[in-house]
Amino acid sequence: MQQRAQLFVTDLRQSIRQPVDYATTGEHPARGEIALHVRNVSPQGFLVDRAEGLSRADRVIVRMPVVGRIEGCCAWTCGGRAGFQFERIIRPDDFAQMIAAMQPGSGARRAG
């Protein structure tokens, strides 16, 4: 009988992702300032589309409502999309406020 791997680190990607349509700016160490389009976000990370030129392990500092500047590390890329893990988990109350600020009519930047 084949045994499954026993993982000691919880897979945080199981968290609920909130769909958003949010344009922001990222600071890439080699490419400088880059435009990012966030499609979903969780307290642990975010997904961007139009991620051409980004690679796994790239670090990008993004600007998000409420939490401000926060670093993300690219965990994967596929078909023009990229998934990032935040350097730290966003607290639940800050996350709720951030999502509210990303909703239509909040004054947050919408992708065009």
PDB file of N, CA and C in Angstrom:
ATOM      1  N   MET A   1       0.831  -1.168   0.000  1.00  0.00           N
ATOM      2  CA  MET A   1       0.000   0.000   0.000  1.00  0.00           C
ATOM      3  C   MET A   1       0.887   1.247   0.000  1.00  0.00           C
ATOM      4  N   GLN A   2       0.529   2.172  -0.852  1.00  0.00           N
ATOM      5  CA  GLN A   2       1.300   3.397  -0.990  1.00  0.00           C
ATOM      6  C   GLN A   2       0.855   4.424   0.054  1.00  0.00           C
ATOM      7  N   GLN A   3       1.821   5.018   0.751  1.00  0.00           N
ATOM      8  CA  GLN A   3       1.487   6.027   1.752  1.00  0.00           C
ATOM      9  C   GLN A   3       1.578   7.415   1.143  1.00  0.00           C
ATOM     10  N   ARG A   4       0.673   8.279   1.586  1.00  0.00           N
ATOM     11  CA  ARG A   4       0.699   9.665   1.131  1.00  0.00           C
ATOM     12  C   ARG A   4       1.728  10.438   1.945  1.00  0.00           C
ATOM     13  N   ALA A   5       2.254  11.493   1.353  1.00  0.00           N
ATOM     14  CA  ALA A   5       3.198  12.354   2.067  1.00  0.00           C
ATOM     15  C   ALA A   5       2.497  13.024   3.227  1.00  0.00           C
ATOM     16  N   GLN A   6       3.185  13.099   4.336  1.00  0.00           N
ATOM     17  CA  GLN A   6       2.637  13.794   5.499  1.00  0.00           C
ATOM     18  C   GLN A   6       3.211  15.201   5.517  1.00  0.00           C
ATOM     19  N   LEU A   7       2.335  16.174   5.296  1.00  0.00           N
ATOM     20  CA  LEU A   7       2.761  17.559   5.249  1.00  0.00           C
ATOM     21  C   LEU A   7       2.608  18.185   6.631  1.00  0.00           C
ATOM     22  N   PHE A   8       3.620  18.885   7.051  1.00  0.00           N
ATOM     23  CA  PHE A   8       3.592  19.520   8.355  1.00  0.00           C
ATOM     24  C   PHE A   8       3.180  20.978   8.269  1.00  0.00           C
ATOM     25  N   VAL A   9       3.198  21.550   7.084  1.00  0.00           N
ATOM     26  CA  VAL A   9       2.794  22.938   6.886  1.00  0.00           C
ATOM     27  C   VAL A   9       1.412  22.932   6.267  1.00  0.00           C
ATOM     28  N   THR A  10       0.493  23.644   6.889  1.00  0.00           N
ATOM     29  CA  THR A  10      -0.865  23.718   6.366  1.00  0.00           C
ATOM     30  C   THR A  10      -0.855  24.418   5.016  1.00  0.00           C
ATOM     31  N   ASP A  11      -1.585  23.875   4.065  1.00  0.00           N
ATOM     32  CA  ASP A  11      -1.696  24.502   2.749  1.00  0.00           C
ATOM     33  C   ASP A  11      -2.678  25.657   2.866  1.00  0.00           C
ATOM     34  N   LEU A  12      -2.148  26.871   2.932  1.00  0.00           N
ATOM     35  CA  LEU A  12      -2.980  28.047   3.133  1.00  0.00           C
ATOM     36  C   LEU A  12      -3.778  28.429   1.892  1.00  0.00           C
ATOM     37  N   ARG A  13      -3.520  27.775   0.765  1.00  0.00           N
ATOM     38  CA  ARG A  13      -4.256  28.103  -0.448  1.00  0.00           C
ATOM     39  C   ARG A  13      -5.703  27.643  -0.377  1.00  0.00           C
ATOM     40  N   GLN A  14      -6.064  26.934   0.672  1.00  0.00           N
ATOM     41  CA  GLN A  14      -7.446  26.493   0.828  1.00  0.00           C
ATOM     42  C   GLN A  14      -8.358  27.624   1.281  1.00  0.00           C
ATOM     43  N   SER A  15      -7.786  28.772   1.636  1.00  0.00           N
ATOM     44  CA  SER A  15      -8.607  29.876   2.104  1.00  0.00           C
ATOM     45  C   SER A  15      -9.504  30.394   0.995  1.00  0.00           C
ATOM     46  N   ILE A  16     -10.602  30.967   1.436  1.00  0.00           N
ATOM     47  CA  ILE A  16     -11.564  31.559   0.509  1.00  0.00           C
ATOM     48  C   ILE A  16     -10.918  32.756  -0.177  1.00  0.00           C
ATOM     49  N   ARG A  17     -11.050  32.792  -1.464  1.00  0.00           N
ATOM     50  CA  ARG A  17     -10.535  33.919  -2.237  1.00  0.00           C
ATOM     51  C   ARG A  17     -11.694  34.840  -2.586  1.00  0.00           C
ATOM     52  N   GLN A  18     -11.477  36.115  -2.424  1.00  0.00           N
ATOM     53  CA  GLN A  18     -12.490  37.101  -2.776  1.00  0.00           C
ATOM     54  C   GLN A  18     -12.207  37.608  -4.179  1.00  0.00           C
ATOM     55  N   PRO A  19     -13.173  37.464  -5.104  1.00  0.00           N
ATOM     56  CA  PRO A  19     -12.948  37.999  -6.445  1.00  0.00           C
ATOM     57  C   PRO A  19     -12.947  39.523  -6.408  1.00  0.00           C
ATOM     58  N   VAL A  20     -11.999  40.121  -7.086  1.00  0.00           N
ATOM     59  CA  VAL A  20     -11.906  41.579  -7.184  1.00  0.00           C
ATOM     60  C   VAL A  20     -11.499  41.949  -8.605  1.00  0.00           C
ATOM     61  N   ASP A  21     -11.613  43.197  -8.910  1.00  0.00           N
ATOM     62  CA  ASP A  21     -11.184  43.753 -10.190  1.00  0.00           C
ATOM     63  C   ASP A  21     -10.440  45.027  -9.831  1.00  0.00           C
ATOM     64  N   TYR A  22      -9.173  44.881  -9.466  1.00  0.00           N
ATOM     65  CA  TYR A  22      -8.444  45.976  -8.846  1.00  0.00           C
ATOM     66  C   TYR A  22      -7.104  46.212  -9.536  1.00  0.00           C
ATOM     67  N   ALA A  23      -6.902  47.435  -9.980  1.00  0.00           N
ATOM     68  CA  ALA A  23      -5.637  47.825 -10.598  1.00  0.00           C
ATOM     69  C   ALA A  23      -4.751  48.455  -9.534  1.00  0.00           C
ATOM     70  N   THR A  24      -3.512  48.017  -9.486  1.00  0.00           N
ATOM     71  CA  THR A  24      -2.566  48.576  -8.531  1.00  0.00           C
ATOM     72  C   THR A  24      -1.181  48.632  -9.161  1.00  0.00           C
ATOM     73  N   THR A  25      -0.243  49.117  -8.402  1.00  0.00           N
ATOM     74  CA  THR A  25       1.128  49.217  -8.867  1.00  0.00           C
ATOM     75  C   THR A  25       2.006  48.335  -8.000  1.00  0.00           C
ATOM     76  N   GLY A  26       2.953  47.666  -8.636  1.00  0.00           N
ATOM     77  CA  GLY A  26       3.913  46.854  -7.907  1.00  0.00           C
ATOM     78  C   GLY A  26       5.319  47.372  -8.144  1.00  0.00           C
ATOM     79  N   GLU A  27       6.168  47.136  -7.187  1.00  0.00           N
ATOM     80  CA  GLU A  27       7.578  47.502  -7.319  1.00  0.00           C
ATOM     81  C   GLU A  27       8.389  46.218  -7.410  1.00  0.00           C
ATOM     82  N   HIS A  28       8.961  45.985  -8.599  1.00  0.00           N
ATOM     83  CA  HIS A  28       9.763  44.791  -8.873  1.00  0.00           C
ATOM     84  C   HIS A  28      11.232  45.193  -8.783  1.00  0.00           C
ATOM     85  N   PRO A  29      12.067  44.403  -8.084  1.00  0.00           N
ATOM     86  CA  PRO A  29      13.458  44.810  -7.904  1.00  0.00           C
ATOM     87  C   PRO A  29      14.242  45.010  -9.206  1.00  0.00           C
ATOM     88  N   ALA A  30      13.948  44.234 -10.235  1.00  0.00           N
ATOM     89  CA  ALA A  30      14.695  44.348 -11.490  1.00  0.00           C
ATOM     90  C   ALA A  30      13.975  45.213 -12.531  1.00  0.00           C
ATOM     91  N   ARG A  31      12.649  45.192 -12.524  1.00  0.00           N
ATOM     92  CA  ARG A  31      11.873  45.883 -13.558  1.00  0.00           C
ATOM     93  C   ARG A  31      11.325  47.232 -13.125  1.00  0.00           C
ATOM     94  N   GLY A  32      11.477  47.560 -11.857  1.00  0.00           N
ATOM     95  CA  GLY A  32      10.951  48.836 -11.358  1.00  0.00           C
ATOM     96  C   GLY A  32       9.451  48.758 -11.153  1.00  0.00           C
ATOM     97  N   GLU A  33       8.780  49.868 -11.379  1.00  0.00           N
ATOM     98  CA  GLU A  33       7.338  49.938 -11.155  1.00  0.00           C
ATOM     99  C   GLU A  33       6.585  49.235 -12.284  1.00  0.00           C
ATOM    100  N   ILE A  34       5.657  48.354 -11.907  1.00  0.00           N
ATOM    101  CA  ILE A  34       4.862  47.622 -12.903  1.00  0.00           C
ATOM    102  C   ILE A  34       3.379  47.713 -12.548  1.00  0.00           C
ATOM    103  N   ALA A  35       2.551  47.736 -13.596  1.00  0.00           N
ATOM    104  CA  ALA A  35       1.099  47.746 -13.407  1.00  0.00           C
ATOM    105  C   ALA A  35       0.636  46.315 -13.149  1.00  0.00           C
ATOM    106  N   LEU A  36      -0.241  46.141 -12.163  1.00  0.00           N
ATOM    107  CA  LEU A  36      -0.781  44.826 -11.835  1.00  0.00           C
ATOM    108  C   LEU A  36      -2.305  44.889 -11.801  1.00  0.00           C
ATOM    109  N   HIS A  37      -2.930  43.820 -12.238  1.00  0.00           N
ATOM    110  CA  HIS A  37      -4.389  43.708 -12.200  1.00  0.00           C
ATOM    111  C   HIS A  37      -4.730  42.525 -11.298  1.00  0.00           C
ATOM    112  N   VAL A  38      -5.223  42.820 -10.097  1.00  0.00           N
ATOM    113  CA  VAL A  38      -5.541  41.790  -9.106  1.00  0.00           C
ATOM    114  C   VAL A  38      -6.932  41.235  -9.403  1.00  0.00           C
ATOM    115  N   ARG A  39      -7.039  39.915  -9.527  1.00  0.00           N
ATOM    116  CA  ARG A  39      -8.317  39.251  -9.835  1.00  0.00           C
ATOM    117  C   ARG A  39      -8.955  38.603  -8.615  1.00  0.00           C
ATOM    118  N   ASN A  40      -8.137  38.139  -7.665  1.00  0.00           N
ATOM    119  CA  ASN A  40      -8.697  37.644  -6.414  1.00  0.00           C
ATOM    120  C   ASN A  40      -7.660  37.813  -5.311  1.00  0.00           C
ATOM    121  N   VAL A  41      -8.159  37.816  -4.078  1.00  0.00           N
ATOM    122  CA  VAL A  41      -7.284  38.060  -2.937  1.00  0.00           C
ATOM    123  C   VAL A  41      -7.797  37.270  -1.734  1.00  0.00           C
ATOM    124  N   SER A  42      -6.873  36.839  -0.902  1.00  0.00           N
ATOM    125  CA  SER A  42      -7.190  36.166   0.363  1.00  0.00           C
ATOM    126  C   SER A  42      -6.274  36.787   1.413  1.00  0.00           C
ATOM    127  N   PRO A  43      -6.467  36.458   2.679  1.00  0.00           N
ATOM    128  CA  PRO A  43      -5.552  37.000   3.699  1.00  0.00           C
ATOM    129  C   PRO A  43      -4.099  36.549   3.511  1.00  0.00           C
ATOM    130  N   GLN A  44      -3.880  35.496   2.725  1.00  0.00           N
ATOM    131  CA  GLN A  44      -2.533  34.977   2.522  1.00  0.00           C
ATOM    132  C   GLN A  44      -1.895  35.376   1.198  1.00  0.00           C
ATOM    133  N   GLY A  45      -2.679  35.844   0.226  1.00  0.00           N
ATOM    134  CA  GLY A  45      -2.079  36.154  -1.059  1.00  0.00           C
ATOM    135  C   GLY A  45      -3.069  36.691  -2.073  1.00  0.00           C
ATOM    136  N   PHE A  46      -2.622  36.754  -3.322  1.00  0.00           N
ATOM    137  CA  PHE A  46      -3.442  37.334  -4.381  1.00  0.00           C
ATOM    138  C   PHE A  46      -3.060  36.751  -5.738  1.00  0.00           C
ATOM    139  N   LEU A  47      -3.975  36.871  -6.690  1.00  0.00           N
ATOM    140  CA  LEU A  47      -3.750  36.411  -8.056  1.00  0.00           C
ATOM    141  C   LEU A  47      -3.835  37.607  -8.986  1.00  0.00           C
ATOM    142  N   VAL A  48      -2.905  37.698  -9.922  1.00  0.00           N
ATOM    143  CA  VAL A  48      -2.951  38.742 -10.943  1.00  0.00           C
ATOM    144  C   VAL A  48      -3.037  38.090 -12.316  1.00  0.00           C
ATOM    145  N   ASP A  49      -3.723  38.781 -13.224  1.00  0.00           N
ATOM    146  CA  ASP A  49      -3.650  38.363 -14.620  1.00  0.00           C
ATOM    147  C   ASP A  49      -2.758  39.377 -15.336  1.00  0.00           C
ATOM    148  N   ARG A  50      -2.527  39.188 -16.602  1.00  0.00           N
ATOM    149  CA  ARG A  50      -1.600  40.049 -17.351  1.00  0.00           C
ATOM    150  C   ARG A  50      -0.238  40.086 -16.658  1.00  0.00           C
ATOM    151  N   ALA A  51       0.254  38.903 -16.282  1.00  0.00           N
ATOM    152  CA  ALA A  51       1.483  38.791 -15.495  1.00  0.00           C
ATOM    153  C   ALA A  51       2.708  38.472 -16.345  1.00  0.00           C
ATOM    154  N   GLU A  52       2.679  38.857 -17.603  1.00  0.00           N
ATOM    155  CA  GLU A  52       3.815  38.576 -18.475  1.00  0.00           C
ATOM    156  C   GLU A  52       5.088  39.189 -17.887  1.00  0.00           C
ATOM    157  N   GLY A  53       6.150  38.441 -17.950  1.00  0.00           N
ATOM    158  CA  GLY A  53       7.434  38.911 -17.448  1.00  0.00           C
ATOM    159  C   GLY A  53       7.681  38.600 -15.981  1.00  0.00           C
ATOM    160  N   LEU A  54       6.681  38.064 -15.284  1.00  0.00           N
ATOM    161  CA  LEU A  54       6.890  37.670 -13.895  1.00  0.00           C
ATOM    162  C   LEU A  54       7.238  36.188 -13.845  1.00  0.00           C
ATOM    163  N   SER A  55       8.074  35.820 -12.900  1.00  0.00           N
ATOM    164  CA  SER A  55       8.525  34.433 -12.755  1.00  0.00           C
ATOM    165  C   SER A  55       8.352  33.972 -11.324  1.00  0.00           C
ATOM    166  N   ARG A  56       8.309  32.659 -11.171  1.00  0.00           N
ATOM    167  CA  ARG A  56       8.225  32.064  -9.837  1.00  0.00           C
ATOM    168  C   ARG A  56       9.385  32.578  -8.990  1.00  0.00           C
ATOM    169  N   ALA A  57       9.113  32.901  -7.736  1.00  0.00           N
ATOM    170  CA  ALA A  57      10.074  33.413  -6.749  1.00  0.00           C
ATOM    171  C   ALA A  57      10.343  34.913  -6.884  1.00  0.00           C
ATOM    172  N   ASP A  58       9.763  35.581  -7.893  1.00  0.00           N
ATOM    173  CA  ASP A  58       9.883  37.043  -7.972  1.00  0.00           C
ATOM    174  C   ASP A  58       9.214  37.659  -6.754  1.00  0.00           C
ATOM    175  N   ARG A  59       9.827  38.709  -6.243  1.00  0.00           N
ATOM    176  CA  ARG A  59       9.244  39.441  -5.127  1.00  0.00           C
ATOM    177  C   ARG A  59       8.771  40.789  -5.644  1.00  0.00           C
ATOM    178  N   VAL A  60       7.553  41.149  -5.237  1.00  0.00           N
ATOM    179  CA  VAL A  60       6.948  42.405  -5.682  1.00  0.00           C
ATOM    180  C   VAL A  60       6.296  43.069  -4.471  1.00  0.00           C
ATOM    181  N   ILE A  61       6.538  44.346  -4.300  1.00  0.00           N
ATOM    182  CA  ILE A  61       5.841  45.106  -3.266  1.00  0.00           C
ATOM    183  C   ILE A  61       4.630  45.742  -3.932  1.00  0.00           C
ATOM    184  N   VAL A  62       3.432  45.421  -3.414  1.00  0.00           N
ATOM    185  CA  VAL A  62       2.192  45.941  -3.997  1.00  0.00           C
ATOM    186  C   VAL A  62       1.554  46.942  -3.043  1.00  0.00           C
ATOM    187  N   ARG A  63       0.710  47.799  -3.610  1.00  0.00           N
ATOM    188  CA  ARG A  63      -0.055  48.759  -2.810  1.00  0.00           C
ATOM    189  C   ARG A  63      -1.496  48.283  -2.763  1.00  0.00           C
ATOM    190  N   MET A  64      -1.964  48.001  -1.551  1.00  0.00           N
ATOM    191  CA  MET A  64      -3.341  47.543  -1.336  1.00  0.00           C
ATOM    192  C   MET A  64      -4.050  48.509  -0.401  1.00  0.00           C
ATOM    193  N   PRO A  65      -5.378  48.664  -0.567  1.00  0.00           N
ATOM    194  CA  PRO A  65      -6.102  49.530   0.366  1.00  0.00           C
ATOM    195  C   PRO A  65      -5.987  48.989   1.795  1.00  0.00           C
ATOM    196  N   VAL A  66      -6.043  49.857   2.746  1.00  0.00           N
ATOM    197  CA  VAL A  66      -6.016  49.570   4.183  1.00  0.00           C
ATOM    198  C   VAL A  66      -4.643  49.088   4.646  1.00  0.00           C
ATOM    199  N   VAL A  67      -4.089  48.032   4.059  1.00  0.00           N
ATOM    200  CA  VAL A  67      -2.809  47.486   4.523  1.00  0.00           C
ATOM    201  C   VAL A  67      -1.607  48.226   3.941  1.00  0.00           C
ATOM    202  N   GLY A  68      -1.813  49.018   2.904  1.00  0.00           N
ATOM    203  CA  GLY A  68      -0.719  49.780   2.307  1.00  0.00           C
ATOM    204  C   GLY A  68       0.232  48.909   1.502  1.00  0.00           C
ATOM    205  N   ARG A  69       1.525  49.205   1.628  1.00  0.00           N
ATOM    206  CA  ARG A  69       2.540  48.458   0.878  1.00  0.00           C
ATOM    207  C   ARG A  69       2.804  47.133   1.573  1.00  0.00           C
ATOM    208  N   ILE A  70       2.753  46.060   0.790  1.00  0.00           N
ATOM    209  CA  ILE A  70       2.999  44.727   1.345  1.00  0.00           C
ATOM    210  C   ILE A  70       3.722  43.899   0.278  1.00  0.00           C
ATOM    211  N   GLU A  71       4.691  43.122   0.696  1.00  0.00           N
ATOM    212  CA  GLU A  71       5.474  42.324  -0.236  1.00  0.00           C
ATOM    213  C   GLU A  71       4.783  40.988  -0.514  1.00  0.00           C
ATOM    214  N   GLY A  72       4.854  40.564  -1.768  1.00  0.00           N
ATOM    215  CA  GLY A  72       4.361  39.258  -2.166  1.00  0.00           C
ATOM    216  C   GLY A  72       5.448  38.511  -2.907  1.00  0.00           C
ATOM    217  N   CYS A  73       5.449  37.198  -2.750  1.00  0.00           N
ATOM    218  CA  CYS A  73       6.402  36.340  -3.449  1.00  0.00           C
ATOM    219  C   CYS A  73       5.621  35.475  -4.430  1.00  0.00           C
ATOM    220  N   CYS A  74       6.048  35.448  -5.686  1.00  0.00           N
ATOM    221  CA  CYS A  74       5.345  34.691  -6.718  1.00  0.00           C
ATOM    222  C   CYS A  74       5.516  33.188  -6.472  1.00  0.00           C
ATOM    223  N   ALA A  75       4.402  32.512  -6.234  1.00  0.00           N
ATOM    224  CA  ALA A  75       4.420  31.072  -5.967  1.00  0.00           C
ATOM    225  C   ALA A  75       4.291  30.256  -7.252  1.00  0.00           C
ATOM    226  N   TRP A  76       3.588  30.817  -8.258  1.00  0.00           N
ATOM    227  CA  TRP A  76       3.393  30.100  -9.520  1.00  0.00           C
ATOM    228  C   TRP A  76       3.001  31.071 -10.625  1.00  0.00           C
ATOM    229  N   THR A  77       3.224  30.654 -11.855  1.00  0.00           N
ATOM    230  CA  THR A  77       2.744  31.379 -13.032  1.00  0.00           C
ATOM    231  C   THR A  77       2.169  30.361 -14.007  1.00  0.00           C
ATOM    232  N   CYS A  78       1.139  30.766 -14.740  1.00  0.00           N
ATOM    233  CA  CYS A  78       0.537  29.874 -15.735  1.00  0.00           C
ATOM    234  C   CYS A  78      -0.372  30.693 -16.643  1.00  0.00           C
ATOM    235  N   GLY A  79      -0.139  30.612 -17.939  1.00  0.00           N
ATOM    236  CA  GLY A  79      -1.019  31.239 -18.913  1.00  0.00           C
ATOM    237  C   GLY A  79      -1.269  32.720 -18.700  1.00  0.00           C
ATOM    238  N   GLY A  80      -0.249  33.472 -18.348  1.00  0.00           N
ATOM    239  CA  GLY A  80      -0.408  34.908 -18.161  1.00  0.00           C
ATOM    240  C   GLY A  80      -0.915  35.313 -16.790  1.00  0.00           C
ATOM    241  N   ARG A  81      -1.117  34.337 -15.911  1.00  0.00           N
ATOM    242  CA  ARG A  81      -1.549  34.630 -14.540  1.00  0.00           C
ATOM    243  C   ARG A  81      -0.421  34.283 -13.577  1.00  0.00           C
ATOM    244  N   ALA A  82      -0.462  34.880 -12.389  1.00  0.00           N
ATOM    245  CA  ALA A  82       0.544  34.585 -11.368  1.00  0.00           C
ATOM    246  C   ALA A  82      -0.105  34.646  -9.994  1.00  0.00           C
ATOM    247  N   GLY A  83       0.270  33.700  -9.135  1.00  0.00           N
ATOM    248  CA  GLY A  83      -0.216  33.661  -7.765  1.00  0.00           C
ATOM    249  C   GLY A  83       0.887  34.078  -6.815  1.00  0.00           C
ATOM    250  N   PHE A  84       0.562  34.986  -5.908  1.00  0.00           N
ATOM    251  CA  PHE A  84       1.529  35.522  -4.961  1.00  0.00           C
ATOM    252  C   PHE A  84       1.110  35.213  -3.533  1.00  0.00           C
ATOM    253  N   GLN A  85       2.085  34.957  -2.686  1.00  0.00           N
ATOM    254  CA  GLN A  85       1.860  34.788  -1.258  1.00  0.00           C
ATOM    255  C   GLN A  85       2.371  36.044  -0.566  1.00  0.00           C
ATOM    256  N   PHE A  86       1.530  36.631   0.311  1.00  0.00           N
ATOM    257  CA  PHE A  86       1.958  37.799   1.066  1.00  0.00           C
ATOM    258  C   PHE A  86       3.080  37.425   2.022  1.00  0.00           C
ATOM    259  N   GLU A  87       3.930  38.394   2.353  1.00  0.00           N
ATOM    260  CA  GLU A  87       5.015  38.173   3.312  1.00  0.00           C
ATOM    261  C   GLU A  87       4.477  37.903   4.707  1.00  0.00           C
ATOM    262  N   ARG A  88       3.274  38.392   4.969  1.00  0.00           N
ATOM    263  CA  ARG A  88       2.621  38.165   6.255  1.00  0.00           C
ATOM    264  C   ARG A  88       1.131  38.017   6.008  1.00  0.00           C
ATOM    265  N   ILE A  89       0.453  37.344   6.909  1.00  0.00           N
ATOM    266  CA  ILE A  89      -0.989  37.167   6.781  1.00  0.00           C
ATOM    267  C   ILE A  89      -1.674  38.461   7.207  1.00  0.00           C
ATOM    268  N   ILE A  90      -2.679  38.852   6.452  1.00  0.00           N
ATOM    269  CA  ILE A  90      -3.435  40.061   6.773  1.00  0.00           C
ATOM    270  C   ILE A  90      -4.476  39.716   7.841  1.00  0.00           C
ATOM    271  N   ARG A  91      -4.541  40.511   8.886  1.00  0.00           N
ATOM    272  CA  ARG A  91      -5.499  40.284   9.968  1.00  0.00           C
ATOM    273  C   ARG A  91      -6.931  40.333   9.438  1.00  0.00           C
ATOM    274  N   PRO A  92      -7.833  39.522  10.014  1.00  0.00           N
ATOM    275  CA  PRO A  92      -9.213  39.453   9.516  1.00  0.00           C
ATOM    276  C   PRO A  92      -9.927  40.802   9.436  1.00  0.00           C
ATOM    277  N   ASP A  93      -9.767  41.669  10.441  1.00  0.00           N
ATOM    278  CA  ASP A  93     -10.451  42.961  10.392  1.00  0.00           C
ATOM    279  C   ASP A  93      -9.885  43.847   9.287  1.00  0.00           C
ATOM    280  N   ASP A  94      -8.558  43.840   9.098  1.00  0.00           N
ATOM    281  CA  ASP A  94      -7.947  44.599   8.007  1.00  0.00           C
ATOM    282  C   ASP A  94      -8.357  44.027   6.657  1.00  0.00           C
ATOM    283  N   PHE A  95      -8.443  42.698   6.566  1.00  0.00           N
ATOM    284  CA  PHE A  95      -8.836  42.065   5.308  1.00  0.00           C
ATOM    285  C   PHE A  95     -10.256  42.478   4.927  1.00  0.00           C
ATOM    286  N   ALA A  96     -11.182  42.453   5.878  1.00  0.00           N
ATOM    287  CA  ALA A  96     -12.570  42.849   5.596  1.00  0.00           C
ATOM    288  C   ALA A  96     -12.631  44.293   5.115  1.00  0.00           C
ATOM    289  N   GLN A  97     -11.866  45.175   5.750  1.00  0.00           N
ATOM    290  CA  GLN A  97     -11.839  46.581   5.318  1.00  0.00           C
ATOM    291  C   GLN A  97     -11.211  46.721   3.929  1.00  0.00           C
ATOM    292  N   MET A  98     -10.160  45.931   3.667  1.00  0.00           N
ATOM    293  CA  MET A  98      -9.501  45.984   2.362  1.00  0.00           C
ATOM    294  C   MET A  98     -10.461  45.557   1.257  1.00  0.00           C
ATOM    295  N   ILE A  99     -11.200  44.465   1.478  1.00  0.00           N
ATOM    296  CA  ILE A  99     -12.163  43.989   0.479  1.00  0.00           C
ATOM    297  C   ILE A  99     -13.240  45.039   0.248  1.00  0.00           C
ATOM    298  N   ALA A 100     -13.743  45.640   1.325  1.00  0.00           N
ATOM    299  CA  ALA A 100     -14.771  46.682   1.196  1.00  0.00           C
ATOM    300  C   ALA A 100     -14.245  47.853   0.359  1.00  0.00           C
ATOM    301  N   ALA A 101     -12.973  48.208   0.557  1.00  0.00           N
ATOM    302  CA  ALA A 101     -12.382  49.311  -0.196  1.00  0.00           C
ATOM    303  C   ALA A 101     -12.161  48.963  -1.667  1.00  0.00           C
ATOM    304  N   MET A 102     -12.102  47.673  -2.000  1.00  0.00           N
ATOM    305  CA  MET A 102     -11.883  47.251  -3.381  1.00  0.00           C
ATOM    306  C   MET A 102     -13.193  47.096  -4.157  1.00  0.00           C
ATOM    307  N   GLN A 103     -14.327  47.277  -3.491  1.00  0.00           N
ATOM    308  CA  GLN A 103     -15.630  47.094  -4.142  1.00  0.00           C
ATOM    309  C   GLN A 103     -16.004  48.325  -4.966  1.00  0.00           C
ATOM    310  N   PRO A 104     -16.884  48.159  -5.955  1.00  0.00           N
ATOM    311  CA  PRO A 104     -17.301  49.303  -6.777  1.00  0.00           C
ATOM    312  C   PRO A 104     -17.860  50.434  -5.919  1.00  0.00           C
ATOM    313  N   GLY A 105     -17.517  51.648  -6.297  1.00  0.00           N
ATOM    314  CA  GLY A 105     -18.011  52.815  -5.590  1.00  0.00           C
ATOM    315  C   GLY A 105     -17.199  53.188  -4.363  1.00  0.00           C
ATOM    316  N   SER A 106     -16.142  52.429  -4.085  1.00  0.00           N
ATOM    317  CA  SER A 106     -15.337  52.684  -2.892  1.00  0.00           C
ATOM    318  C   SER A 106     -14.283  53.758  -3.121  1.00  0.00           C
ATOM    319  N   GLY A 107     -14.068  54.112  -4.380  1.00  0.00           N
ATOM    320  CA  GLY A 107     -13.011  55.049  -4.694  1.00  0.00           C
ATOM    321  C   GLY A 107     -11.699  54.373  -5.015  1.00  0.00           C
ATOM    322  N   ALA A 108     -11.633  53.033  -4.846  1.00  0.00           N
ATOM    323  CA  ALA A 108     -10.420  52.287  -5.193  1.00  0.00           C
ATOM    324  C   ALA A 108     -10.301  52.239  -6.714  1.00  0.00           C
ATOM    325  N   ARG A 109      -9.097  52.026  -7.198  1.00  0.00           N
ATOM    326  CA  ARG A 109      -8.856  52.009  -8.644  1.00  0.00           C
ATOM    327  C   ARG A 109      -9.406  50.744  -9.264  1.00  0.00           C
ATOM    328  N   ARG A 110     -10.237  50.875 -10.257  1.00  0.00           N
ATOM    329  CA  ARG A 110     -10.798  49.753 -10.987  1.00  0.00           C
ATOM    330  C   ARG A 110      -9.971  49.533 -12.249  1.00  0.00           C
ATOM    331  N   ALA A 111      -9.860  48.290 -12.641  1.00  0.00           N
ATOM    332  CA  ALA A 111      -9.133  47.986 -13.881  1.00  0.00           C
ATOM    333  C   ALA A 111      -9.965  48.445 -15.056  1.00  0.00           C
ATOM    334  N   GLY A 112      -9.314  48.943 -16.071  1.00  0.00           N
ATOM    335  CA  GLY A 112     -10.062  49.478 -17.217  1.00  0.00           C
ATOM    336  C   GLY A 112      -9.843  48.790 -18.452  1.00  0.00           C
TER     337      GLY A 112
END
